[in-house]
Protein backbone atom coordinates (compact mmCIF):
# COMPACT_ATOMS: atom_id res chain seq x y z
CA UNK A 1 13.44 -6.95 -21.73
CA UNK A 2 10.51 -7.55 -24.12
CA UNK A 3 7.16 -7.67 -22.32
CA UNK A 4 6.31 -11.24 -23.31
CA UNK A 5 9.63 -12.61 -22.04
CA UNK A 6 9.35 -10.55 -18.85
CA UNK A 7 5.82 -11.74 -18.09
CA UNK A 8 6.81 -15.36 -18.74
CA UNK A 9 9.80 -15.03 -16.41
CA UNK A 10 7.71 -13.48 -13.61
CA UNK A 11 5.11 -16.22 -14.13
CA UNK A 12 7.89 -18.78 -13.66
CA UNK A 13 8.85 -17.12 -10.35
CA UNK A 14 5.19 -17.32 -9.28
CA UNK A 15 4.84 -21.06 -9.96
CA UNK A 16 2.80 -20.93 -13.18
CA UNK A 17 4.79 -23.67 -14.87
CA UNK A 18 3.39 -26.96 -13.57
CA UNK A 19 0.57 -24.91 -12.02
CA UNK A 20 -1.77 -27.87 -11.55
CA UNK A 21 1.02 -29.91 -9.94
CA UNK A 22 1.88 -27.00 -7.60
CA UNK A 23 -1.75 -26.54 -6.61
CA UNK A 24 -2.15 -30.25 -5.89
CA UNK A 25 0.95 -30.17 -3.68
CA UNK A 26 -0.32 -27.11 -1.82
CA UNK A 27 -3.72 -28.69 -1.08
CA UNK A 28 -2.24 -32.01 0.04
CA UNK A 29 0.12 -30.25 2.48
CA UNK A 30 -2.77 -28.21 3.89
CA UNK A 31 -4.96 -31.32 4.28
CA UNK A 32 -2.22 -33.30 6.03
CA UNK A 33 -1.93 -30.57 8.63
CA UNK A 34 -5.66 -29.92 8.92
CA UNK A 35 -7.34 -33.32 9.02
CA UNK A 36 -6.88 -33.85 12.75
CA UNK A 37 -7.89 -30.33 13.81
CA UNK A 38 -11.32 -29.61 15.25
CA UNK A 39 -12.41 -28.09 11.93
CA UNK A 40 -11.09 -31.13 10.08
CA UNK A 41 -13.07 -33.49 12.28
CA UNK A 42 -16.22 -31.36 12.07
CA UNK A 43 -16.05 -31.39 8.26
CA UNK A 44 -14.69 -34.94 7.77
CA UNK A 45 -11.59 -33.82 5.92
CA UNK A 46 -10.12 -37.32 6.38
CA UNK A 47 -12.41 -38.45 3.54
CA UNK A 48 -10.73 -36.11 1.05
CA UNK A 49 -7.71 -37.58 -0.72
CA UNK A 50 -7.50 -35.63 -3.98
CA UNK A 51 -8.10 -32.24 -5.56
CA UNK A 52 -11.25 -33.55 -7.26
CA UNK A 53 -12.62 -34.77 -3.92
CA UNK A 54 -12.09 -31.31 -2.48
CA UNK A 55 -13.62 -29.50 -5.44
CA UNK A 56 -16.66 -31.78 -5.43
CA UNK A 57 -17.53 -31.27 -1.77
CA UNK A 58 -19.96 -28.46 -0.95
CA UNK A 59 -17.70 -26.76 1.58
CA UNK A 60 -17.76 -22.98 1.21
CA UNK A 61 -17.05 -20.70 4.15
CA UNK A 62 -17.21 -17.03 5.01
CA UNK A 63 -15.91 -15.15 8.01
CA UNK A 64 -19.04 -15.87 10.08
CA UNK A 65 -18.56 -19.62 9.53
CA UNK A 66 -14.98 -19.47 10.81
CA UNK A 67 -15.64 -17.06 13.67
CA UNK A 68 -16.43 -19.73 16.35
CA UNK A 69 -13.08 -21.38 15.58
CA UNK A 70 -11.28 -18.02 15.65
CA UNK A 71 -12.74 -17.28 19.08
CA UNK A 72 -11.23 -20.50 20.41
CA UNK A 73 -7.87 -19.65 18.82
CA UNK A 74 -7.96 -16.20 20.45
CA UNK A 75 -8.57 -17.93 23.77
CA UNK A 76 -5.33 -19.87 23.37
CA UNK A 77 -6.54 -23.25 22.04
CA UNK A 78 -4.33 -25.09 19.56
CA UNK A 79 -5.19 -27.36 16.61
CA UNK A 80 -8.57 -25.66 16.15
CA UNK A 81 -8.81 -24.99 12.41
CA UNK A 82 -5.13 -25.58 11.58
CA UNK A 83 -2.16 -27.23 13.25
CA UNK A 84 -0.79 -25.33 16.25
CA UNK A 85 -1.64 -21.67 16.69
CA UNK A 86 -0.92 -18.50 14.69
CA UNK A 87 2.00 -16.14 15.23
CA UNK A 88 -0.17 -13.14 14.40
CA UNK A 89 -3.81 -12.17 14.27
CA UNK A 90 -4.39 -9.45 11.66
CA UNK A 91 -7.22 -6.98 12.23
CA UNK A 92 -9.04 -5.89 9.11
CA UNK A 93 -12.30 -4.19 8.34
CA UNK A 94 -12.08 -4.55 4.54
CA UNK A 95 -15.29 -2.94 3.28
CA UNK A 96 -17.33 -4.16 6.25
CA UNK A 97 -18.47 -2.15 9.24
CA UNK A 98 -16.87 -4.39 11.87
CA UNK A 99 -13.39 -5.65 12.62
CA UNK A 100 -12.34 -9.10 11.46
CA UNK A 101 -9.45 -11.19 12.76
CA UNK A 102 -7.40 -13.19 10.26
CA UNK A 103 -4.73 -15.65 11.53
CA UNK A 104 -1.23 -15.40 10.05
CA UNK A 105 2.02 -17.29 10.46
CA UNK A 106 5.58 -16.21 9.84
CA UNK A 107 5.43 -18.26 6.64
CA UNK A 108 2.55 -15.99 5.54
CA UNK A 109 4.72 -12.94 6.18
CA UNK A 110 7.51 -14.51 4.13
CA UNK A 111 5.08 -14.98 1.23
CA UNK A 112 4.27 -11.25 1.40
CA UNK A 113 8.00 -10.50 1.35
CA UNK A 114 8.51 -12.82 -1.62
CA UNK A 115 5.66 -11.12 -3.48
CA UNK A 116 7.26 -7.73 -2.82
CA UNK A 117 10.60 -9.01 -4.11
CA UNK A 118 9.04 -10.34 -7.34
CA UNK A 119 7.21 -7.01 -7.77
CA UNK A 120 10.55 -5.19 -7.56
CA UNK A 121 12.19 -7.62 -10.02
CA UNK A 122 9.32 -7.09 -12.45
CA UNK A 123 9.66 -3.30 -12.17
CA UNK A 124 13.41 -3.42 -12.83
CA UNK A 125 12.92 -5.66 -15.87
CA UNK A 126 10.13 -3.44 -17.22
CA UNK A 127 11.93 -0.11 -16.79
CA UNK A 128 15.45 -1.41 -17.42
CA UNK A 129 16.86 0.35 -14.38
CA UNK A 130 17.05 0.25 -10.61
CA UNK A 131 16.30 3.53 -8.88
CA UNK A 132 18.45 3.91 -5.78
CA UNK A 133 17.13 5.89 -2.84
CA UNK A 134 14.96 5.69 0.23
CA UNK A 135 11.40 4.43 0.50
CA UNK A 136 8.52 5.66 2.64
CA UNK A 137 6.07 3.05 3.95
CA UNK A 138 2.79 4.57 5.19
CA UNK A 139 1.34 2.18 7.78
CA UNK A 140 -0.34 2.23 11.20
CA UNK A 141 1.93 2.20 14.28
CA UNK A 142 3.69 -1.05 15.16
CA UNK A 143 2.21 -1.07 18.65
CA UNK A 144 0.48 -4.42 19.17
CA UNK A 145 -1.84 -6.05 21.62
CA UNK A 146 -1.44 -9.69 22.63
CA UNK A 147 -4.09 -12.35 23.08
CA UNK A 148 -3.04 -15.74 24.46
CA UNK A 149 0.52 -14.98 23.30
CA UNK A 150 -0.60 -14.05 19.78
CA UNK A 151 0.42 -10.66 18.35
CA UNK A 152 -2.70 -8.73 17.25
CA UNK A 153 -2.47 -5.78 14.84
CA UNK A 154 -3.19 -4.46 11.38
CA UNK A 155 -1.51 -6.25 8.48
CA UNK A 156 0.50 -3.23 7.18
CA UNK A 157 1.85 -2.67 10.70
CA UNK A 158 2.75 -6.37 11.06
CA UNK A 159 4.53 -6.35 7.69
CA UNK A 160 6.35 -3.16 8.65
CA UNK A 161 7.42 -4.65 11.97
CA UNK A 162 8.77 -7.80 10.29
CA UNK A 163 11.13 -5.94 7.95
CA UNK A 164 14.73 -7.08 8.20
CA UNK A 165 17.36 -4.81 9.76
CA UNK A 166 18.80 -4.24 6.29
CA UNK A 167 15.42 -3.21 4.88
CA UNK A 168 14.83 -0.81 7.76
CA UNK A 169 17.96 1.12 6.77
CA UNK A 170 16.29 2.07 3.47
CA UNK A 171 12.73 2.61 4.68
CA UNK A 172 11.17 5.55 6.53
CA UNK A 173 9.79 6.29 9.06
CA UNK A 174 11.85 5.08 12.02
CA UNK A 175 9.99 3.17 14.74
CA UNK A 176 10.06 6.03 17.24
CA UNK A 177 8.25 8.27 14.75
CA UNK A 178 5.88 5.62 13.39
CA UNK A 179 4.68 4.77 16.90
CA UNK A 180 3.57 8.29 17.86
CA UNK A 181 -0.03 7.62 18.99
CA UNK A 182 -1.74 10.74 17.59
CA UNK A 183 -2.30 10.40 13.85
CA UNK A 184 -1.84 14.09 12.96
CA UNK A 185 1.29 14.44 15.10
CA UNK A 186 2.66 11.21 13.63
CA UNK A 187 2.20 12.39 10.05
CA UNK A 188 3.81 15.73 10.89
CA UNK A 189 6.79 13.92 12.46
CA UNK A 190 7.13 11.61 9.43
CA UNK A 191 7.30 14.60 7.10
CA UNK A 192 9.91 16.34 9.25
CA UNK A 193 12.02 13.17 9.61
CA UNK A 194 12.33 12.47 5.89
CA UNK A 195 12.13 16.04 4.61
CA UNK A 196 15.75 15.99 3.44
CA UNK A 197 15.81 12.31 2.41
CA UNK A 198 16.13 11.12 -1.20
CA UNK A 199 12.69 9.48 -1.32
CA UNK A 200 12.22 7.57 -4.59
CA UNK A 201 9.14 5.49 -3.73
CA UNK A 202 6.21 5.57 -1.32
CA UNK A 203 4.08 2.54 -0.39
CA UNK A 204 0.61 2.26 1.10
CA UNK A 205 -3.10 2.06 0.43
CA UNK A 206 -4.23 4.66 -2.13
CA UNK A 207 -6.63 6.40 0.27
CA UNK A 208 -3.91 6.65 2.93
CA UNK A 209 -1.45 8.10 0.43
CA UNK A 210 -3.93 10.74 -0.78
CA UNK A 211 -4.49 11.90 2.78
CA UNK A 212 -0.76 11.87 3.56
CA UNK A 213 0.07 13.94 0.48
CA UNK A 214 -2.59 16.49 1.41
CA UNK A 215 -1.01 16.70 4.86
CA UNK A 216 2.43 17.20 3.28
CA UNK A 217 1.17 20.20 1.31
CA UNK A 218 -0.71 21.65 4.29
CA UNK A 219 2.38 21.52 6.53
CA UNK A 220 5.11 22.46 4.06
CA UNK A 221 3.25 24.53 1.43
CA UNK A 222 4.94 22.21 -1.08
CA UNK A 223 3.63 19.39 -3.21
CA UNK A 224 5.30 16.04 -2.40
CA UNK A 225 7.13 16.08 -5.75
CA UNK A 226 8.64 19.44 -4.77
CA UNK A 227 9.68 18.11 -1.38
CA UNK A 228 10.99 14.84 -2.83
CA UNK A 229 11.99 15.57 -6.45
CA UNK A 230 13.42 12.06 -6.93
CA UNK A 231 10.04 10.42 -6.24
CA UNK A 232 9.34 7.96 -9.09
CA UNK A 233 6.87 5.31 -7.94
CA UNK A 234 3.89 4.72 -5.68
CA UNK A 235 3.52 1.08 -4.63
CA UNK A 236 -0.16 0.53 -3.91
CA UNK A 237 -2.34 -2.35 -2.79
CA UNK A 238 -5.19 -3.24 -0.47
CA UNK A 239 -7.82 -1.61 -2.69
CA UNK A 240 -8.13 -0.63 -6.34
CA UNK A 241 -6.06 2.40 -7.32
CA UNK A 242 -8.31 3.26 -10.30
CA UNK A 243 -10.59 5.40 -8.15
CA UNK A 244 -7.64 7.35 -6.75
CA UNK A 245 -5.49 7.62 -9.87
CA UNK A 246 -6.28 11.26 -10.68
CA UNK A 247 -6.37 12.33 -7.04
CA UNK A 248 -2.96 10.76 -6.40
CA UNK A 249 -1.45 12.62 -9.34
CA UNK A 250 -3.04 15.89 -8.24
CA UNK A 251 -1.91 15.57 -4.62
CA UNK A 252 1.62 14.45 -5.57
CA UNK A 253 2.00 17.36 -7.98
CA UNK A 254 2.57 15.44 -11.22
CA UNK A 255 1.51 12.27 -13.01
CA UNK A 256 3.14 9.54 -10.99
CA UNK A 257 3.74 5.88 -11.91
CA UNK A 258 1.63 3.40 -9.93
CA UNK A 259 2.87 -0.12 -9.21
CA UNK A 260 -0.20 -2.12 -8.15
CA UNK A 261 -0.33 -5.46 -6.35
CA UNK A 262 -3.35 -7.57 -5.47
CA UNK A 263 -2.89 -7.73 -1.73
CA UNK A 264 -5.44 -8.71 0.89
CA UNK A 265 -5.11 -9.60 4.56
CA UNK A 266 -5.51 -13.19 3.37
CA UNK A 267 -2.28 -13.01 1.36
CA UNK A 268 -0.20 -11.55 -1.46
CA UNK A 269 -2.41 -12.91 -4.23
CA UNK A 270 -1.26 -11.18 -7.40
CA UNK A 271 1.65 -9.28 -8.97
CA UNK A 272 0.83 -6.35 -11.24
CA UNK A 273 1.82 -7.13 -14.83
CA UNK A 274 2.80 -3.58 -15.77
CA UNK A 275 3.28 -0.14 -14.29
CA UNK A 276 0.02 1.88 -14.28
CA UNK A 277 -2.09 -1.21 -15.07
CA UNK A 278 -4.34 -3.33 -12.90
CA UNK A 279 -3.98 -6.74 -14.46
CA UNK A 280 -2.31 -9.28 -12.23
CA UNK A 281 -0.35 -12.51 -12.44
CA UNK A 282 -1.81 -14.99 -9.97
CA UNK A 283 0.61 -15.87 -7.17
CA UNK A 284 0.84 -19.68 -7.11
CA UNK A 285 3.96 -19.65 -4.93
CA UNK A 286 2.34 -18.64 -1.63
CA UNK A 287 1.12 -22.06 -0.43
CA UNK A 288 -2.52 -21.19 -1.14
CA UNK A 289 -4.96 -23.50 -2.93
CA UNK A 290 -7.34 -21.57 -5.17
CA UNK A 291 -10.92 -22.39 -6.16
CA UNK A 292 -13.16 -20.44 -8.51
CA UNK A 293 -16.97 -20.24 -8.42
CA UNK A 294 -18.96 -18.62 -11.25
CA UNK A 295 -20.10 -15.23 -9.95
CA UNK A 296 -23.26 -15.06 -12.07
CA UNK A 297 -24.39 -18.63 -12.76
CA UNK A 298 -27.54 -19.45 -14.70
CA UNK A 299 -30.60 -20.10 -12.55
CA UNK A 300 -30.56 -23.83 -13.20
CA UNK A 301 -26.78 -24.22 -13.04
CA UNK A 302 -25.73 -26.43 -10.07
CA UNK A 303 -23.18 -25.21 -7.54
CA UNK A 304 -19.67 -26.05 -8.74
CA UNK A 305 -16.14 -25.14 -7.74
CA UNK A 306 -13.37 -25.06 -10.34
CA UNK A 307 -9.66 -25.59 -9.89
CA UNK A 308 -6.94 -23.63 -11.67
CA UNK A 309 -6.86 -26.21 -14.46
CA UNK A 310 -10.58 -25.69 -15.23
CA UNK A 311 -10.95 -21.90 -15.44
CA UNK A 312 -11.88 -20.10 -18.66
CA UNK A 313 -11.05 -16.73 -20.15
CA UNK A 314 -13.77 -14.07 -19.88
CA UNK A 315 -15.82 -15.72 -17.11
CA UNK A 316 -16.44 -13.85 -13.84
CA UNK A 317 -15.47 -15.94 -10.80
CA UNK A 318 -15.69 -15.52 -7.05
CA UNK A 319 -12.20 -16.14 -5.66
CA UNK A 320 -12.05 -18.84 -2.95
CA UNK A 321 -8.97 -19.71 -0.86
CA UNK A 322 -7.72 -22.59 1.25
CA UNK A 323 -4.49 -22.12 3.20
CA UNK A 324 -2.45 -23.44 6.12
CA UNK A 325 -3.84 -20.95 8.64
CA UNK A 326 -7.45 -22.04 8.86
CA UNK A 327 -9.14 -20.70 5.77
CA UNK A 328 -11.04 -23.59 4.20
CA UNK A 329 -12.76 -22.86 0.87
CA UNK A 330 -12.95 -19.29 2.13
CA UNK A 331 -14.88 -16.91 -0.12
CA UNK A 332 -12.81 -13.72 -0.38
CA UNK A 333 -15.83 -12.12 -2.09
CA UNK A 334 -13.73 -10.59 -4.83
CA UNK A 335 -14.93 -11.10 -8.40
CA UNK A 336 -12.09 -11.73 -10.86
CA UNK A 337 -11.89 -12.49 -14.57
CA UNK A 338 -9.03 -14.15 -16.44
CA UNK A 339 -7.82 -12.53 -19.64
CA UNK A 340 -5.09 -15.14 -20.23
CA UNK A 341 -4.38 -18.68 -19.00
CA UNK A 342 -0.76 -19.10 -20.16
CA UNK A 343 0.23 -17.50 -17.87
CA UNK A 344 -2.70 -16.86 -15.51
CA UNK A 345 -3.48 -13.13 -15.85
CA UNK A 346 -6.63 -11.66 -14.31
CA UNK A 347 -8.31 -8.42 -13.32
CA UNK A 348 -10.30 -7.72 -10.17
CA UNK A 349 -13.81 -6.56 -11.06
CA UNK A 350 -15.02 -5.74 -7.55
CA UNK A 351 -16.68 -7.30 -4.53
CA UNK A 352 -19.34 -9.96 -5.01
CA UNK A 353 -21.18 -8.43 -2.05
CA UNK A 354 -20.55 -4.94 -3.41
CA UNK A 355 -22.71 -4.65 -6.48
CA UNK A 356 -25.91 -2.86 -7.39
CA UNK A 357 -28.67 -4.95 -8.90
CA UNK A 358 -31.82 -2.99 -8.19
CA UNK A 359 -33.30 -3.98 -11.56
CA UNK A 360 -31.11 -6.98 -12.48
CA UNK A 361 -28.17 -4.99 -13.85
CA UNK A 362 -25.45 -6.57 -11.62
CA UNK A 363 -23.31 -3.43 -11.73
CA UNK A 364 -19.87 -4.11 -10.21
CA UNK A 365 -17.58 -1.62 -8.51
CA UNK A 366 -14.92 -2.03 -11.22
CA UNK A 367 -17.46 -0.99 -13.86
CA UNK A 368 -18.40 2.03 -11.76
CA UNK A 369 -14.73 2.99 -11.43
CA UNK A 370 -14.04 2.65 -15.16
CA UNK A 371 -17.10 4.71 -16.01
CA UNK A 372 -16.26 7.55 -13.63
CA UNK A 373 -12.60 7.51 -14.74
CA UNK A 374 -13.68 8.12 -18.35
CA UNK A 375 -16.13 10.79 -17.24
CA UNK A 376 -13.37 12.55 -15.29
CA UNK A 377 -11.22 12.72 -18.43
CA UNK A 378 -14.06 14.31 -20.37
CA UNK A 379 -14.92 16.83 -17.63
CA UNK A 380 -11.28 17.86 -17.16
CA UNK A 381 -11.36 19.29 -20.68
CA UNK A 382 -14.04 21.67 -19.38
CA UNK A 383 -12.06 22.52 -16.25
CA UNK A 384 -14.34 20.50 -13.96
CA UNK A 385 -12.80 18.18 -11.36
CA UNK A 386 -14.20 15.15 -9.52
CA UNK A 387 -12.67 13.71 -6.36
CA UNK A 388 -14.57 11.25 -4.11
CA UNK A 389 -17.93 9.67 -4.97
CA UNK A 390 -20.35 6.96 -3.90
CA UNK A 391 -23.34 5.32 -5.58
CA UNK A 392 -26.41 3.40 -4.39
CA UNK A 393 -29.52 1.85 -5.87
CA UNK A 394 -32.75 3.72 -5.18
CA UNK A 395 -36.42 3.26 -6.03
CA UNK A 396 -38.07 6.63 -6.67
CA UNK A 397 -41.57 7.65 -7.76
CA UNK A 398 -40.31 7.45 -11.35
CA UNK A 399 -38.86 3.96 -10.89
CA UNK A 400 -35.52 2.32 -9.97
CA UNK A 401 -32.38 4.36 -10.55
CA UNK A 402 -28.81 4.84 -9.36
CA UNK A 403 -28.14 7.79 -7.11
CA UNK A 404 -24.63 9.23 -7.12
CA UNK A 405 -23.09 11.55 -4.53
CA UNK A 406 -20.07 13.18 -6.14
CA UNK A 407 -17.56 15.72 -4.86
CA UNK A 408 -17.32 18.05 -7.85
CA UNK A 409 -15.86 21.50 -8.43
CA UNK A 410 -19.13 22.92 -9.79
CA UNK A 411 -22.79 22.82 -8.80
CA UNK A 412 -24.06 24.35 -12.04
CA UNK A 413 -27.33 22.57 -12.88
CA UNK A 414 -26.52 22.34 -16.57
CA UNK A 415 -23.13 20.75 -15.81
CA UNK A 416 -24.75 18.25 -13.41
CA UNK A 417 -27.25 17.30 -16.14
CA UNK A 418 -24.37 16.70 -18.55
CA UNK A 419 -22.61 14.63 -15.86
CA UNK A 420 -25.67 12.38 -15.41
CA UNK A 421 -25.80 11.68 -19.15
CA UNK A 422 -22.05 11.04 -19.36
CA UNK A 423 -22.22 8.53 -16.50
CA UNK A 424 -25.20 6.82 -18.11
CA UNK A 425 -23.40 6.51 -21.45
CA UNK A 426 -20.21 5.11 -19.92
CA UNK A 427 -22.06 2.52 -17.82
CA UNK A 428 -23.85 1.30 -20.94
CA UNK A 429 -20.44 0.62 -22.51
CA UNK A 430 -19.30 -1.59 -19.62
CA UNK A 431 -22.50 -3.43 -18.61
CA UNK A 432 -24.82 -4.82 -21.27
CA UNK A 433 -27.55 -5.67 -18.71
CA UNK A 434 -27.55 -2.03 -17.61
CA UNK A 435 -27.74 -0.97 -21.27
CA UNK A 436 -30.74 -3.24 -21.96
CA UNK A 437 -32.57 -2.02 -18.84
CA UNK A 438 -31.97 1.62 -19.79
CA UNK A 439 -33.14 1.09 -23.36
CA UNK A 440 -36.33 -0.57 -22.12
CA UNK A 441 -36.77 2.23 -19.53
CA UNK A 442 -36.82 -0.29 -16.67
CA UNK A 443 -33.94 1.63 -15.13
CA UNK A 444 -34.07 5.42 -15.04
CA UNK A 445 -31.35 7.98 -15.80
CA UNK A 446 -28.82 8.26 -12.92
CA UNK A 447 -29.34 11.05 -10.39
CA UNK A 448 -26.36 13.07 -9.16
CA UNK A 449 -26.09 14.91 -5.84
CA UNK A 450 -23.31 17.49 -6.21
CA UNK A 451 -21.11 17.83 -3.12
CA UNK A 452 -18.35 20.25 -2.25
CA UNK A 453 -14.84 18.73 -2.27
CA UNK A 454 -13.96 17.44 1.22
CA UNK A 455 -17.52 16.48 2.20
CA UNK A 456 -16.70 12.82 2.85
CA UNK A 457 -13.62 13.79 4.87
CA UNK A 458 -15.81 15.99 7.09
CA UNK A 459 -18.26 13.12 7.56
CA UNK A 460 -15.57 10.77 8.85
CA UNK A 461 -14.19 13.46 11.14
CA UNK A 462 -17.65 14.00 12.68
CA UNK A 463 -17.91 10.22 13.22
CA UNK A 464 -14.49 10.27 14.94
CA UNK A 465 -13.10 7.91 12.33
CA UNK A 466 -9.46 8.04 11.34
CA UNK A 467 -10.64 8.82 7.84
CA UNK A 468 -7.14 8.88 6.44
CA UNK A 469 -6.99 5.15 7.01
CA UNK A 470 -10.51 4.39 5.80
CA UNK A 471 -11.59 2.64 2.62
CA UNK A 472 -14.59 4.30 1.01
CA UNK A 473 -16.36 1.75 -1.22
CA UNK A 474 -17.77 3.33 -4.37
CA UNK A 475 -20.92 1.21 -4.11
CA UNK A 476 -22.07 2.32 -0.71
CA UNK A 477 -25.56 2.29 0.80
CA UNK A 478 -24.45 3.29 4.32
CA UNK A 479 -27.54 5.20 5.58
CA UNK A 480 -25.42 7.38 7.89
CA UNK A 481 -23.45 8.79 4.96
CA UNK A 482 -26.53 9.40 2.82
CA UNK A 483 -28.32 11.08 5.74
CA UNK A 484 -25.31 13.37 6.23
CA UNK A 485 -25.08 14.40 2.57
CA UNK A 486 -28.78 14.61 1.69
CA UNK A 487 -29.84 17.90 0.08
CA UNK A 488 -31.61 20.34 2.40
């Protein structure tokens, strides 16, 4: 099917036609259920009767604002921030240092399942074929705690547990293997269980998959593509795959097709438009009401929230959600930018709380990832490889700069000097504020600390973290990491 027709059809499945009408319906349903809750009374939701009323109020919440209500829910109270109580409480750390608890209902799980179905339909229409075989879903164990009758666990484990009996027949690992408590023993058992299976796809977070593939090679002396020669696709979500693209191909044993989705604990928010691309069609079929706040407003610009009917192409927005499980104008803290409005296609630029602006450059994680991806391509021609990396803002005796810690296959001083200039040149392409600051010498040339491959893995092991399940933000000022990697 031609791309334009395919995208239009997928947009239809995601509720893009009559988008404003669908969003109005979603908000009205949420308000009807939420007005008489404790949150609704505290915030006078009974006064809101239209989308414009809701957009014009100054309500904007983060996790800390909702936490007192979540505590009451965890204690068994009902009708706190939404009608009734949740079926699940998902644990997530995101890119924060502490655990967060996000309420979910079975309807939320069904929206994840619908998003997965539409992703599969899109893939079949794009490739023109359906690849039959088994799938491997890398997730935490489906062993849950309970609090006041609510199931508490990580979202991938909850999704895995809620698979239908039919789905379970096609997906590895089996429950007995998945629920082995020790992570290393569990991964070893997963490999042994599906060693002879016709695995055609593997799903999980990119960082988890990289670690799993390394474990496969360590235990079998084979690359995953040698063990599973029918492997065609990696279904990834939960974090950007750009950073892991090269590492995934290297650990798999060949260039592998990535099917990306914009998935957060808060919901299945976007369907990847194409294989190996990270532009998404907004999911308007999940019962969520979306608001958009300019990420970098002018100093004198008043606070304003926009609905789906008011967004513009090329503007960076903070994504804000309202749903039926207690998230009210909840700032996800992801910065997105629309490239098309018919249908609604966007890219995720990074975290609004995960930027560097030590001199006013507002450098986003997505710009960092694009820059380093281009640098990797250039260095590969010289036989130099880059794996993990982090960056922070730093004020030195010479002035403000960006300090990079990069796992690289060489520590040759001349090569590191070339790397610093390559990074600088790429960042200037993607961020005009950075370019202006560099040209005026208000921001100094980046500094690179060269690390041996595997340094970050060793750090997480010493901290007794299950590093295979850990997200490493590229923009990262964690003092413990920088203390660990500082040059002697």
